[in-house]
Every structure is written in C-alpha cells, then in structure tokens.
Amino acid sequence: MATSFEEAEKVISAWIKYYNEERMHSRLGYRSPKAYHQEFCLRKNAA
C-alpha cells in the first residue's frame, strides 16, 4: 500500500507501463499494445 503521493505515483506509473507494454490483450490477438502497434506500423509502412 502506498504511503505517500510519490510512492503512489511510482506504483501507478509502473502498472500503466506494464499494462501498455507487456500485458497480453485478447482483443489484440494476445499481443501487448506495444507489440500490436509495432506490427501495425510495419504493415502500414510496407504498403
């Protein structure tokens, strides 16, 4: 449990980073948003 604003900010920031960069999302074909975005950019640039 966070005991200060700074600690809470650190914990929340780490969770957001995990959610956006590592956590697998079923809606994205069980890829992380970061991996999905990278693949999308590669496909867009290849076209």
C-alpha atoms as a PDB file:
ATOM      1  CA  MET A   1       0.000   0.000   0.000  1.00  0.00           C
ATOM      2  CA  ALA A   2       1.272   3.432  -0.942  1.00  0.00           C
ATOM      3  CA  THR A   3       2.074   5.696   1.980  1.00  0.00           C
ATOM      4  CA  SER A   4       2.802   8.896   0.071  1.00  0.00           C
ATOM      5  CA  PHE A   5       1.810  10.624  -3.143  1.00  0.00           C
ATOM      6  CA  GLU A   6       5.234   9.981  -4.646  1.00  0.00           C
ATOM      7  CA  GLU A   7       5.063   6.278  -3.861  1.00  0.00           C
ATOM      8  CA  ALA A   8       1.528   6.034  -5.247  1.00  0.00           C
ATOM      9  CA  GLU A   9       2.629   7.818  -8.418  1.00  0.00           C
ATOM     10  CA  LYS A  10       5.526   5.371  -8.851  1.00  0.00           C
ATOM     11  CA  VAL A  11       3.291   2.313  -8.365  1.00  0.00           C
ATOM     12  CA  ILE A  12       0.610   3.620 -10.733  1.00  0.00           C
ATOM     13  CA  SER A  13       3.169   4.561 -13.394  1.00  0.00           C
ATOM     14  CA  ALA A  14       4.710   1.092 -13.235  1.00  0.00           C
ATOM     15  CA  TRP A  15       1.291  -0.521 -13.604  1.00  0.00           C
ATOM     16  CA  ILE A  16       0.400   1.646 -16.613  1.00  0.00           C
ATOM     17  CA  LYS A  17       3.742   0.798 -18.250  1.00  0.00           C
ATOM     18  CA  TYR A  18       3.113  -2.924 -17.657  1.00  0.00           C
ATOM     19  CA  TYR A  19      -0.453  -2.669 -18.995  1.00  0.00           C
ATOM     20  CA  ASN A  20       0.612  -0.857 -22.177  1.00  0.00           C
ATOM     21  CA  GLU A  21       3.882  -2.617 -22.921  1.00  0.00           C
ATOM     22  CA  GLU A  22       3.761  -6.156 -21.553  1.00  0.00           C
ATOM     23  CA  ARG A  23       0.268  -7.372 -20.672  1.00  0.00           C
ATOM     24  CA  MET A  24      -1.308  -9.577 -23.324  1.00  0.00           C
ATOM     25  CA  HIS A  25      -4.724  -8.411 -24.533  1.00  0.00           C
ATOM     26  CA  SER A  26      -7.142 -10.890 -26.071  1.00  0.00           C
ATOM     27  CA  ARG A  27      -8.653  -8.161 -28.272  1.00  0.00           C
ATOM     28  CA  LEU A  28      -5.218  -7.625 -29.837  1.00  0.00           C
ATOM     29  CA  GLY A  29      -4.662 -11.303 -30.625  1.00  0.00           C
ATOM     30  CA  TYR A  30      -2.907 -11.948 -27.306  1.00  0.00           C
ATOM     31  CA  ARG A  31      -0.231  -9.364 -28.007  1.00  0.00           C
ATOM     32  CA  SER A  32       0.742  -6.391 -25.912  1.00  0.00           C
ATOM     33  CA  PRO A  33      -0.428  -2.986 -27.151  1.00  0.00           C
ATOM     34  CA  LYS A  34       3.208  -2.104 -27.815  1.00  0.00           C
ATOM     35  CA  ALA A  35       3.773  -5.224 -29.959  1.00  0.00           C
ATOM     36  CA  TYR A  36       0.473  -4.682 -31.772  1.00  0.00           C
ATOM     37  CA  HIS A  37       1.372  -1.074 -32.542  1.00  0.00           C
ATOM     38  CA  GLN A  38       4.813  -2.063 -33.825  1.00  0.00           C
ATOM     39  CA  GLU A  39       3.270  -4.678 -36.134  1.00  0.00           C
ATOM     40  CA  PHE A  40       0.653  -2.176 -37.317  1.00  0.00           C
ATOM     41  CA  CYS A  41       3.365   0.373 -38.185  1.00  0.00           C
ATOM     42  CA  LEU A  42       5.385  -2.241 -40.036  1.00  0.00           C
ATOM     43  CA  ARG A  43       2.339  -3.265 -42.113  1.00  0.00           C
ATOM     44  CA  LYS A  44       1.450   0.380 -42.777  1.00  0.00           C
ATOM     45  CA  ASN A  45       4.988   1.205 -43.928  1.00  0.00           C
ATOM     46  CA  ALA A  46       5.162  -1.904 -46.135  1.00  0.00           C
ATOM     47  CA  ALA A  47       2.055  -0.878 -48.075  1.00  0.00           C
END
